[in-house]
N, C-alpha and C. Protein backbone atom coordinates (compact mmCIF):
# COMPACT_ATOMS: atom_id res chain seq x y z
N MET A 1 2.81 25.04 -20.22
CA MET A 1 4.24 25.06 -20.45
C MET A 1 5.01 24.59 -19.22
N LYS A 2 4.52 24.95 -18.03
CA LYS A 2 5.18 24.60 -16.80
C LYS A 2 5.16 23.09 -16.55
N VAL A 3 4.04 22.42 -16.89
CA VAL A 3 3.91 20.98 -16.69
C VAL A 3 4.94 20.24 -17.55
N ILE A 4 5.10 20.68 -18.78
CA ILE A 4 6.07 20.05 -19.68
C ILE A 4 7.47 20.20 -19.11
N LYS A 5 7.78 21.37 -18.56
CA LYS A 5 9.10 21.61 -17.99
C LYS A 5 9.33 20.69 -16.78
N LEU A 6 8.33 20.55 -15.92
CA LEU A 6 8.47 19.67 -14.75
C LEU A 6 8.64 18.22 -15.18
N HIS A 7 7.88 17.81 -16.20
CA HIS A 7 7.99 16.44 -16.69
C HIS A 7 9.39 16.20 -17.26
N GLN A 8 9.91 17.18 -17.99
CA GLN A 8 11.25 17.05 -18.57
C GLN A 8 12.31 17.04 -17.48
N GLU A 9 12.11 17.82 -16.42
CA GLU A 9 13.05 17.82 -15.30
C GLU A 9 13.13 16.44 -14.66
N GLU A 10 11.96 15.80 -14.48
CA GLU A 10 11.92 14.47 -13.89
C GLU A 10 12.64 13.47 -14.79
N ARG A 11 12.40 13.55 -16.10
CA ARG A 11 13.09 12.66 -17.05
C ARG A 11 14.61 12.85 -16.96
N ASP A 12 15.03 14.11 -16.89
CA ASP A 12 16.47 14.40 -16.80
C ASP A 12 17.06 13.85 -15.51
N THR A 13 16.33 14.03 -14.40
CA THR A 13 16.80 13.53 -13.11
C THR A 13 16.89 12.01 -13.14
N ILE A 14 15.89 11.35 -13.72
CA ILE A 14 15.92 9.89 -13.83
C ILE A 14 17.11 9.45 -14.68
N LYS A 15 17.32 10.12 -15.78
CA LYS A 15 18.44 9.80 -16.67
C LYS A 15 19.78 9.94 -15.93
N GLN A 16 19.93 11.00 -15.15
CA GLN A 16 21.15 11.20 -14.37
C GLN A 16 21.29 10.12 -13.30
N ALA A 17 20.18 9.76 -12.67
CA ALA A 17 20.21 8.72 -11.63
C ALA A 17 20.59 7.37 -12.22
N ILE A 18 20.16 7.09 -13.44
CA ILE A 18 20.55 5.85 -14.12
C ILE A 18 22.06 5.82 -14.29
N GLY A 19 22.65 6.97 -14.51
CA GLY A 19 24.10 7.09 -14.65
C GLY A 19 24.84 7.14 -13.32
N ASN A 20 24.18 6.72 -12.25
CA ASN A 20 24.74 6.66 -10.89
C ASN A 20 25.12 8.03 -10.33
N ASN A 21 24.43 9.07 -10.76
CA ASN A 21 24.63 10.40 -10.21
C ASN A 21 23.96 10.42 -8.83
N ARG A 22 24.75 10.46 -7.77
CA ARG A 22 24.24 10.38 -6.40
C ARG A 22 23.32 11.55 -6.06
N HIS A 23 23.63 12.72 -6.60
CA HIS A 23 22.78 13.89 -6.34
C HIS A 23 21.39 13.67 -6.93
N ALA A 24 21.32 13.13 -8.13
CA ALA A 24 20.04 12.86 -8.77
C ALA A 24 19.28 11.77 -8.02
N GLN A 25 19.98 10.73 -7.57
CA GLN A 25 19.35 9.67 -6.80
C GLN A 25 18.79 10.22 -5.49
N GLN A 26 19.57 11.07 -4.84
CA GLN A 26 19.11 11.69 -3.59
C GLN A 26 17.88 12.56 -3.83
N LYS A 27 17.86 13.27 -4.94
CA LYS A 27 16.72 14.12 -5.28
C LYS A 27 15.46 13.27 -5.46
N LEU A 28 15.58 12.16 -6.18
CA LEU A 28 14.43 11.27 -6.37
C LEU A 28 13.98 10.67 -5.05
N TYR A 29 14.94 10.25 -4.24
CA TYR A 29 14.62 9.67 -2.94
C TYR A 29 13.90 10.70 -2.05
N SER A 30 14.45 11.88 -1.96
CA SER A 30 13.86 12.93 -1.12
C SER A 30 12.46 13.31 -1.58
N GLN A 31 12.26 13.31 -2.87
CA GLN A 31 10.98 13.69 -3.43
C GLN A 31 9.90 12.63 -3.16
N HIS A 32 10.26 11.35 -3.19
CA HIS A 32 9.26 10.29 -3.11
C HIS A 32 9.24 9.52 -1.78
N ALA A 33 10.28 9.61 -0.98
CA ALA A 33 10.37 8.80 0.24
C ALA A 33 9.21 9.04 1.23
N PRO A 34 8.82 10.28 1.52
CA PRO A 34 7.73 10.45 2.50
C PRO A 34 6.44 9.73 2.10
N LYS A 35 6.06 9.86 0.85
CA LYS A 35 4.84 9.21 0.39
C LYS A 35 5.00 7.69 0.37
N MET A 36 6.18 7.21 -0.02
CA MET A 36 6.41 5.76 -0.10
C MET A 36 6.50 5.13 1.29
N LEU A 37 6.97 5.89 2.27
CA LEU A 37 6.94 5.38 3.64
C LEU A 37 5.49 5.18 4.08
N GLY A 38 4.64 6.09 3.68
CA GLY A 38 3.21 5.95 3.96
C GLY A 38 2.63 4.70 3.32
N VAL A 39 3.07 4.40 2.10
CA VAL A 39 2.61 3.19 1.42
C VAL A 39 3.06 1.96 2.19
N CYS A 40 4.33 1.91 2.56
CA CYS A 40 4.86 0.76 3.31
C CYS A 40 4.18 0.64 4.66
N ARG A 41 3.91 1.76 5.28
CA ARG A 41 3.27 1.76 6.59
C ARG A 41 1.86 1.19 6.54
N GLN A 42 1.21 1.27 5.40
CA GLN A 42 -0.13 0.70 5.25
C GLN A 42 -0.10 -0.83 5.41
N TYR A 43 1.03 -1.42 5.09
CA TYR A 43 1.15 -2.88 5.14
C TYR A 43 1.90 -3.37 6.37
N ILE A 44 2.81 -2.57 6.87
CA ILE A 44 3.70 -2.98 7.96
C ILE A 44 3.40 -2.12 9.19
N LYS A 45 3.07 -2.77 10.31
CA LYS A 45 2.68 -2.03 11.52
C LYS A 45 3.82 -1.23 12.12
N ASP A 46 4.99 -1.83 12.21
CA ASP A 46 6.14 -1.19 12.86
C ASP A 46 6.76 -0.16 11.92
N VAL A 47 6.84 1.09 12.39
CA VAL A 47 7.33 2.18 11.55
C VAL A 47 8.79 1.95 11.13
N GLN A 48 9.64 1.50 12.05
CA GLN A 48 11.05 1.27 11.71
C GLN A 48 11.18 0.16 10.67
N GLN A 49 10.38 -0.89 10.81
CA GLN A 49 10.42 -1.99 9.84
C GLN A 49 9.91 -1.50 8.49
N ALA A 50 8.87 -0.68 8.50
CA ALA A 50 8.34 -0.12 7.25
C ALA A 50 9.40 0.73 6.56
N GLU A 51 10.16 1.48 7.36
CA GLU A 51 11.23 2.30 6.79
C GLU A 51 12.34 1.43 6.20
N ASP A 52 12.70 0.35 6.88
CA ASP A 52 13.71 -0.57 6.35
C ASP A 52 13.26 -1.16 5.02
N ILE A 53 12.00 -1.55 4.96
CA ILE A 53 11.47 -2.13 3.72
C ILE A 53 11.46 -1.08 2.62
N MET A 54 11.09 0.15 2.96
CA MET A 54 11.10 1.22 1.98
C MET A 54 12.50 1.44 1.41
N ILE A 55 13.51 1.43 2.28
CA ILE A 55 14.88 1.63 1.82
C ILE A 55 15.31 0.49 0.91
N THR A 56 14.97 -0.75 1.29
CA THR A 56 15.27 -1.90 0.44
C THR A 56 14.59 -1.75 -0.92
N ALA A 57 13.34 -1.31 -0.89
CA ALA A 57 12.60 -1.13 -2.14
C ALA A 57 13.23 -0.02 -2.99
N PHE A 58 13.71 1.04 -2.35
CA PHE A 58 14.38 2.09 -3.12
C PHE A 58 15.67 1.57 -3.76
N MET A 59 16.34 0.66 -3.10
CA MET A 59 17.51 0.05 -3.73
C MET A 59 17.09 -0.67 -5.02
N LYS A 60 15.95 -1.34 -4.98
CA LYS A 60 15.43 -2.00 -6.17
C LYS A 60 15.03 -0.97 -7.23
N VAL A 61 14.48 0.14 -6.78
CA VAL A 61 14.12 1.21 -7.71
C VAL A 61 15.36 1.67 -8.46
N PHE A 62 16.43 1.96 -7.74
CA PHE A 62 17.64 2.46 -8.39
C PHE A 62 18.34 1.39 -9.22
N THR A 63 18.26 0.16 -8.78
CA THR A 63 18.86 -0.94 -9.55
C THR A 63 18.13 -1.14 -10.87
N ASN A 64 16.82 -0.95 -10.86
CA ASN A 64 15.99 -1.21 -12.05
C ASN A 64 15.53 0.06 -12.75
N LEU A 65 16.12 1.17 -12.43
CA LEU A 65 15.68 2.46 -12.97
C LEU A 65 15.71 2.49 -14.50
N ALA A 66 16.66 1.83 -15.10
CA ALA A 66 16.76 1.82 -16.56
C ALA A 66 15.57 1.10 -17.20
N LYS A 67 14.86 0.29 -16.42
CA LYS A 67 13.70 -0.44 -16.94
C LYS A 67 12.43 0.41 -16.96
N PHE A 68 12.46 1.57 -16.29
CA PHE A 68 11.30 2.45 -16.30
C PHE A 68 11.16 3.02 -17.70
N GLU A 69 9.97 2.79 -18.31
CA GLU A 69 9.77 3.15 -19.71
C GLU A 69 9.04 4.47 -19.94
N HIS A 70 8.76 5.22 -18.90
CA HIS A 70 8.07 6.51 -19.00
C HIS A 70 6.69 6.37 -19.64
N LYS A 71 6.06 5.21 -19.49
CA LYS A 71 4.72 5.00 -20.06
C LYS A 71 3.63 5.37 -19.07
N GLY A 72 3.93 5.33 -17.80
CA GLY A 72 2.99 5.74 -16.76
C GLY A 72 3.71 6.71 -15.85
N SER A 73 3.12 6.97 -14.71
CA SER A 73 3.78 7.90 -13.80
C SER A 73 4.94 7.20 -13.09
N PHE A 74 5.97 7.96 -12.85
CA PHE A 74 7.14 7.44 -12.14
C PHE A 74 6.76 7.08 -10.71
N GLU A 75 5.94 7.92 -10.09
CA GLU A 75 5.50 7.65 -8.72
C GLU A 75 4.72 6.34 -8.64
N GLY A 76 3.87 6.09 -9.63
CA GLY A 76 3.11 4.84 -9.66
C GLY A 76 4.02 3.63 -9.81
N TRP A 77 5.07 3.77 -10.59
CA TRP A 77 6.05 2.69 -10.79
C TRP A 77 6.77 2.39 -9.48
N ILE A 78 7.18 3.44 -8.77
CA ILE A 78 7.85 3.26 -7.48
C ILE A 78 6.88 2.63 -6.48
N ARG A 79 5.65 3.10 -6.47
CA ARG A 79 4.64 2.60 -5.54
C ARG A 79 4.44 1.09 -5.70
N ARG A 80 4.40 0.63 -6.94
CA ARG A 80 4.22 -0.80 -7.20
C ARG A 80 5.39 -1.61 -6.63
N ILE A 81 6.60 -1.07 -6.75
CA ILE A 81 7.77 -1.74 -6.18
C ILE A 81 7.65 -1.79 -4.66
N MET A 82 7.20 -0.70 -4.06
CA MET A 82 7.02 -0.66 -2.59
C MET A 82 6.02 -1.72 -2.14
N VAL A 83 4.87 -1.77 -2.80
CA VAL A 83 3.83 -2.73 -2.44
C VAL A 83 4.36 -4.16 -2.58
N ASN A 84 5.03 -4.44 -3.68
CA ASN A 84 5.58 -5.79 -3.89
C ASN A 84 6.62 -6.14 -2.84
N GLU A 85 7.41 -5.18 -2.43
CA GLU A 85 8.42 -5.44 -1.40
C GLU A 85 7.76 -5.73 -0.06
N CYS A 86 6.69 -5.01 0.26
CA CYS A 86 5.95 -5.27 1.50
C CYS A 86 5.34 -6.67 1.48
N ILE A 87 4.75 -7.03 0.36
CA ILE A 87 4.16 -8.36 0.23
C ILE A 87 5.24 -9.43 0.39
N SER A 88 6.37 -9.23 -0.25
CA SER A 88 7.48 -10.20 -0.13
C SER A 88 7.94 -10.33 1.31
N TYR A 89 8.07 -9.22 2.00
CA TYR A 89 8.48 -9.25 3.40
C TYR A 89 7.50 -10.05 4.25
N LEU A 90 6.21 -9.76 4.09
CA LEU A 90 5.20 -10.46 4.87
C LEU A 90 5.16 -11.94 4.55
N ARG A 91 5.40 -12.29 3.30
CA ARG A 91 5.45 -13.72 2.93
C ARG A 91 6.62 -14.41 3.62
N VAL A 92 7.78 -13.78 3.58
CA VAL A 92 8.97 -14.37 4.21
C VAL A 92 8.76 -14.52 5.71
N GLN A 93 8.11 -13.54 6.32
CA GLN A 93 7.85 -13.59 7.75
C GLN A 93 6.72 -14.56 8.09
N LYS A 94 6.05 -15.05 7.06
CA LYS A 94 4.91 -15.96 7.21
C LYS A 94 3.85 -15.35 8.13
N LYS A 95 3.65 -14.05 7.96
CA LYS A 95 2.68 -13.34 8.79
C LYS A 95 1.33 -13.20 8.09
N VAL A 96 1.20 -13.79 6.93
CA VAL A 96 -0.03 -13.65 6.19
C VAL A 96 -0.69 -15.01 6.03
N SER A 97 -1.94 -15.08 6.40
CA SER A 97 -2.68 -16.31 6.13
C SER A 97 -4.02 -15.90 5.54
N PHE A 98 -4.48 -16.70 4.62
CA PHE A 98 -5.73 -16.42 3.95
C PHE A 98 -6.69 -17.56 4.23
N LEU A 99 -7.89 -17.22 4.56
CA LEU A 99 -8.91 -18.21 4.84
C LEU A 99 -9.75 -18.40 3.59
N GLU A 100 -9.83 -19.64 3.11
CA GLU A 100 -10.67 -19.94 1.96
C GLU A 100 -12.13 -19.83 2.38
N ASP A 101 -12.92 -19.17 1.60
CA ASP A 101 -14.34 -19.03 1.89
C ASP A 101 -15.08 -19.00 0.57
N GLU A 102 -15.85 -20.02 0.29
CA GLU A 102 -16.55 -20.10 -0.98
C GLU A 102 -17.78 -19.21 -0.99
N PHE A 103 -18.29 -18.85 0.18
CA PHE A 103 -19.53 -18.09 0.25
C PHE A 103 -19.20 -16.62 0.46
N PHE A 104 -19.24 -15.87 -0.61
CA PHE A 104 -18.92 -14.45 -0.55
C PHE A 104 -20.12 -13.65 -1.04
N THR A 105 -20.51 -12.69 -0.26
CA THR A 105 -21.53 -11.75 -0.71
C THR A 105 -20.98 -10.35 -0.50
N GLU A 106 -20.99 -9.59 -1.56
CA GLU A 106 -20.48 -8.22 -1.50
C GLU A 106 -21.48 -7.38 -0.72
N ASP A 107 -21.03 -6.73 0.33
CA ASP A 107 -21.93 -5.83 1.04
C ASP A 107 -21.29 -4.45 1.08
N SER A 108 -22.11 -3.46 1.23
CA SER A 108 -21.59 -2.10 1.17
C SER A 108 -20.79 -1.79 2.43
N PHE A 109 -19.78 -0.99 2.24
CA PHE A 109 -18.92 -0.58 3.35
C PHE A 109 -19.11 0.91 3.55
N ASN A 110 -19.62 1.27 4.70
CA ASN A 110 -19.86 2.69 4.97
C ASN A 110 -18.54 3.40 5.17
N ASN A 111 -18.44 4.58 4.58
CA ASN A 111 -17.21 5.36 4.73
C ASN A 111 -17.00 5.73 6.19
N ILE A 112 -15.77 5.70 6.60
CA ILE A 112 -15.44 6.09 7.96
C ILE A 112 -15.63 7.60 8.05
N GLU A 113 -16.35 8.01 9.04
CA GLU A 113 -16.70 9.42 9.14
C GLU A 113 -15.47 10.30 9.30
N SER A 114 -15.62 11.52 8.85
CA SER A 114 -14.50 12.44 8.80
C SER A 114 -13.97 12.83 10.17
N HIS A 115 -14.70 12.52 11.26
CA HIS A 115 -14.20 12.93 12.58
C HIS A 115 -13.12 11.99 13.12
N PHE A 116 -12.81 10.91 12.41
CA PHE A 116 -11.70 10.04 12.83
C PHE A 116 -10.41 10.56 12.22
N SER A 117 -9.36 10.60 13.01
CA SER A 117 -8.08 11.08 12.51
C SER A 117 -7.42 10.00 11.65
N VAL A 118 -6.44 10.40 10.88
CA VAL A 118 -5.69 9.46 10.05
C VAL A 118 -5.03 8.40 10.93
N ASP A 119 -4.51 8.81 12.08
CA ASP A 119 -3.87 7.85 13.00
C ASP A 119 -4.88 6.83 13.52
N GLU A 120 -6.10 7.29 13.83
CA GLU A 120 -7.13 6.37 14.30
C GLU A 120 -7.52 5.37 13.21
N ILE A 121 -7.64 5.86 12.00
CA ILE A 121 -7.98 4.98 10.87
C ILE A 121 -6.86 3.98 10.65
N GLN A 122 -5.60 4.44 10.69
CA GLN A 122 -4.48 3.53 10.49
C GLN A 122 -4.43 2.49 11.60
N THR A 123 -4.74 2.89 12.82
CA THR A 123 -4.77 1.94 13.95
C THR A 123 -5.84 0.88 13.71
N LEU A 124 -7.00 1.29 13.21
CA LEU A 124 -8.06 0.33 12.90
C LEU A 124 -7.60 -0.66 11.83
N ILE A 125 -6.97 -0.16 10.78
CA ILE A 125 -6.48 -1.02 9.71
C ILE A 125 -5.37 -1.94 10.23
N ASP A 126 -4.49 -1.39 11.08
CA ASP A 126 -3.40 -2.20 11.65
C ASP A 126 -3.92 -3.35 12.50
N SER A 127 -5.09 -3.19 13.08
CA SER A 127 -5.62 -4.23 13.96
C SER A 127 -6.19 -5.42 13.18
N LEU A 128 -6.34 -5.26 11.88
CA LEU A 128 -6.84 -6.38 11.06
C LEU A 128 -5.79 -7.49 10.98
N PRO A 129 -6.23 -8.74 10.86
CA PRO A 129 -5.26 -9.82 10.58
C PRO A 129 -4.53 -9.49 9.28
N ASP A 130 -3.27 -9.91 9.17
CA ASP A 130 -2.43 -9.50 8.05
C ASP A 130 -3.03 -9.82 6.68
N GLY A 131 -3.65 -10.97 6.52
CA GLY A 131 -4.27 -11.32 5.24
C GLY A 131 -5.39 -10.36 4.87
N TYR A 132 -6.25 -10.06 5.83
CA TYR A 132 -7.34 -9.11 5.59
C TYR A 132 -6.77 -7.74 5.24
N LYS A 133 -5.79 -7.34 6.02
CA LYS A 133 -5.18 -6.01 5.87
C LYS A 133 -4.56 -5.85 4.48
N MET A 134 -3.84 -6.89 4.04
CA MET A 134 -3.17 -6.80 2.76
C MET A 134 -4.18 -6.68 1.62
N VAL A 135 -5.21 -7.52 1.62
CA VAL A 135 -6.22 -7.46 0.56
C VAL A 135 -6.98 -6.13 0.63
N PHE A 136 -7.32 -5.68 1.84
CA PHE A 136 -8.02 -4.41 2.00
C PHE A 136 -7.19 -3.27 1.41
N ASN A 137 -5.91 -3.22 1.75
CA ASN A 137 -5.04 -2.16 1.23
C ASN A 137 -4.91 -2.22 -0.29
N LEU A 138 -4.70 -3.43 -0.82
CA LEU A 138 -4.54 -3.57 -2.27
C LEU A 138 -5.81 -3.15 -3.01
N TYR A 139 -6.96 -3.50 -2.46
CA TYR A 139 -8.23 -3.21 -3.14
C TYR A 139 -8.68 -1.78 -2.88
N ALA A 140 -8.83 -1.42 -1.62
CA ALA A 140 -9.44 -0.14 -1.26
C ALA A 140 -8.50 1.05 -1.41
N ILE A 141 -7.22 0.83 -1.17
CA ILE A 141 -6.29 1.96 -1.19
C ILE A 141 -5.50 2.01 -2.49
N GLU A 142 -4.97 0.87 -2.93
CA GLU A 142 -4.16 0.84 -4.14
C GLU A 142 -5.00 0.74 -5.41
N GLY A 143 -6.25 0.25 -5.30
CA GLY A 143 -7.12 0.21 -6.45
C GLY A 143 -6.99 -1.02 -7.35
N TYR A 144 -6.35 -2.07 -6.85
CA TYR A 144 -6.23 -3.29 -7.64
C TYR A 144 -7.58 -4.00 -7.71
N LYS A 145 -7.79 -4.76 -8.77
CA LYS A 145 -8.98 -5.60 -8.92
C LYS A 145 -8.70 -6.95 -8.25
N HIS A 146 -9.76 -7.67 -7.92
CA HIS A 146 -9.60 -8.96 -7.24
C HIS A 146 -8.76 -9.94 -8.06
N GLN A 147 -8.91 -9.92 -9.36
CA GLN A 147 -8.13 -10.81 -10.22
C GLN A 147 -6.63 -10.50 -10.09
N GLU A 148 -6.29 -9.22 -10.05
CA GLU A 148 -4.89 -8.82 -9.90
C GLU A 148 -4.36 -9.19 -8.51
N ILE A 149 -5.18 -8.97 -7.49
CA ILE A 149 -4.77 -9.30 -6.12
C ILE A 149 -4.53 -10.79 -6.00
N ALA A 150 -5.43 -11.58 -6.56
CA ALA A 150 -5.30 -13.03 -6.49
C ALA A 150 -3.98 -13.47 -7.13
N LYS A 151 -3.65 -12.90 -8.26
CA LYS A 151 -2.40 -13.25 -8.95
C LYS A 151 -1.18 -12.83 -8.14
N MET A 152 -1.23 -11.62 -7.58
CA MET A 152 -0.10 -11.10 -6.80
C MET A 152 0.17 -11.95 -5.56
N LEU A 153 -0.91 -12.39 -4.90
CA LEU A 153 -0.77 -13.07 -3.62
C LEU A 153 -0.81 -14.59 -3.75
N GLY A 154 -1.08 -15.10 -4.94
CA GLY A 154 -1.13 -16.54 -5.13
C GLY A 154 -2.34 -17.18 -4.46
N ILE A 155 -3.46 -16.49 -4.51
CA ILE A 155 -4.71 -16.99 -3.92
C ILE A 155 -5.79 -16.96 -4.98
N SER A 156 -6.94 -17.54 -4.68
CA SER A 156 -8.05 -17.49 -5.64
C SER A 156 -8.72 -16.13 -5.58
N GLU A 157 -9.43 -15.81 -6.65
CA GLU A 157 -10.17 -14.55 -6.69
C GLU A 157 -11.25 -14.54 -5.61
N GLY A 158 -11.88 -15.70 -5.37
CA GLY A 158 -12.89 -15.80 -4.31
C GLY A 158 -12.31 -15.54 -2.93
N THR A 159 -11.09 -16.02 -2.71
CA THR A 159 -10.43 -15.77 -1.42
C THR A 159 -10.16 -14.28 -1.25
N SER A 160 -9.74 -13.61 -2.33
CA SER A 160 -9.51 -12.17 -2.28
C SER A 160 -10.80 -11.45 -1.90
N LYS A 161 -11.88 -11.82 -2.53
CA LYS A 161 -13.18 -11.19 -2.24
C LYS A 161 -13.60 -11.47 -0.80
N SER A 162 -13.38 -12.69 -0.36
CA SER A 162 -13.76 -13.08 1.00
C SER A 162 -12.95 -12.30 2.03
N GLN A 163 -11.64 -12.18 1.80
CA GLN A 163 -10.77 -11.45 2.72
C GLN A 163 -11.21 -9.99 2.82
N LEU A 164 -11.58 -9.39 1.69
CA LEU A 164 -12.04 -8.01 1.68
C LEU A 164 -13.35 -7.89 2.46
N SER A 165 -14.24 -8.82 2.24
CA SER A 165 -15.52 -8.80 2.95
C SER A 165 -15.32 -8.90 4.46
N HIS A 166 -14.45 -9.82 4.87
CA HIS A 166 -14.18 -9.98 6.30
C HIS A 166 -13.49 -8.73 6.88
N ALA A 167 -12.58 -8.15 6.12
CA ALA A 167 -11.90 -6.93 6.58
C ALA A 167 -12.89 -5.80 6.76
N ARG A 168 -13.77 -5.63 5.80
CA ARG A 168 -14.79 -4.58 5.90
C ARG A 168 -15.68 -4.80 7.12
N LYS A 169 -16.08 -6.04 7.33
CA LYS A 169 -16.95 -6.36 8.46
C LYS A 169 -16.25 -6.04 9.78
N MET A 170 -14.98 -6.42 9.89
CA MET A 170 -14.22 -6.12 11.12
C MET A 170 -14.07 -4.62 11.32
N LEU A 171 -13.73 -3.91 10.23
CA LEU A 171 -13.57 -2.45 10.34
C LEU A 171 -14.89 -1.79 10.73
N ARG A 172 -15.98 -2.24 10.13
CA ARG A 172 -17.28 -1.69 10.46
C ARG A 172 -17.58 -1.90 11.95
N GLY A 173 -17.29 -3.08 12.46
CA GLY A 173 -17.49 -3.36 13.88
C GLY A 173 -16.64 -2.47 14.76
N GLN A 174 -15.39 -2.26 14.37
CA GLN A 174 -14.49 -1.41 15.15
C GLN A 174 -14.96 0.05 15.14
N VAL A 175 -15.42 0.51 13.97
CA VAL A 175 -15.92 1.89 13.86
C VAL A 175 -17.16 2.05 14.73
N ASP A 176 -18.06 1.08 14.66
CA ASP A 176 -19.27 1.14 15.50
C ASP A 176 -18.91 1.17 16.98
N LYS A 177 -17.92 0.37 17.35
CA LYS A 177 -17.48 0.33 18.74
C LYS A 177 -16.89 1.69 19.16
N LEU A 178 -16.08 2.28 18.29
CA LEU A 178 -15.50 3.60 18.58
C LEU A 178 -16.60 4.65 18.72
N LYS A 179 -17.56 4.61 17.81
CA LYS A 179 -18.67 5.58 17.87
C LYS A 179 -19.44 5.42 19.18
N SER A 180 -19.70 4.18 19.57
CA SER A 180 -20.43 3.93 20.82
C SER A 180 -19.64 4.45 22.01
N TYR A 181 -18.33 4.23 21.99
CA TYR A 181 -17.48 4.69 23.07
C TYR A 181 -17.49 6.21 23.16
N GLU A 182 -17.35 6.85 21.99
CA GLU A 182 -17.34 8.32 21.95
C GLU A 182 -18.68 8.90 22.38
N ASN A 183 -19.78 8.20 22.08
CA ASN A 183 -21.11 8.69 22.42
C ASN A 183 -21.49 8.35 23.85
N GLY A 184 -20.65 7.55 24.52
CA GLY A 184 -20.91 7.18 25.89
C GLY A 184 -21.98 6.11 26.05
N THR A 185 -22.25 5.40 24.95
CA THR A 185 -23.27 4.35 25.02
C THR A 185 -22.67 2.98 25.29
N GLU A 186 -21.37 2.90 25.45
CA GLU A 186 -20.73 1.62 25.77
C GLU A 186 -20.07 1.67 27.10
């Protein structure tokens, strides 16, 4: 019974926000902004720039709120807008380049051990070239398939797979280097 009530509350808040109710818009923003800043931060290294992009994306959320059809989760709908806004920003900044590579072999990527902090993991991901980072985030974190990534970024499916492979290889090397440093073997 409680889940239905919460779902109805969200529908009511969305309906009020569509009617330009500032209190309802603020409630939606406050509820989703922390998580969405995290989403933007996955793509954008600079925290202030990530916040600016998040705010711009929220403007799009509120402008297009009437288009939300309640067919999936509202958070997922907002998340997609955030990701698309980050991709658009990086395209405009021309900070993304993709290397064509016809020879792709899928190799396993070992999970980063639990002793690394979230900040350390984010730093490792931030150190990737922007093209690798974007494909890695879309695939490994957002859960998109290579076909979807290729369409979103205007690249071939093979390039998406190649970028992911290269990103994994770089991350694996960085993790190995960190482990060696921590163990005193480097």
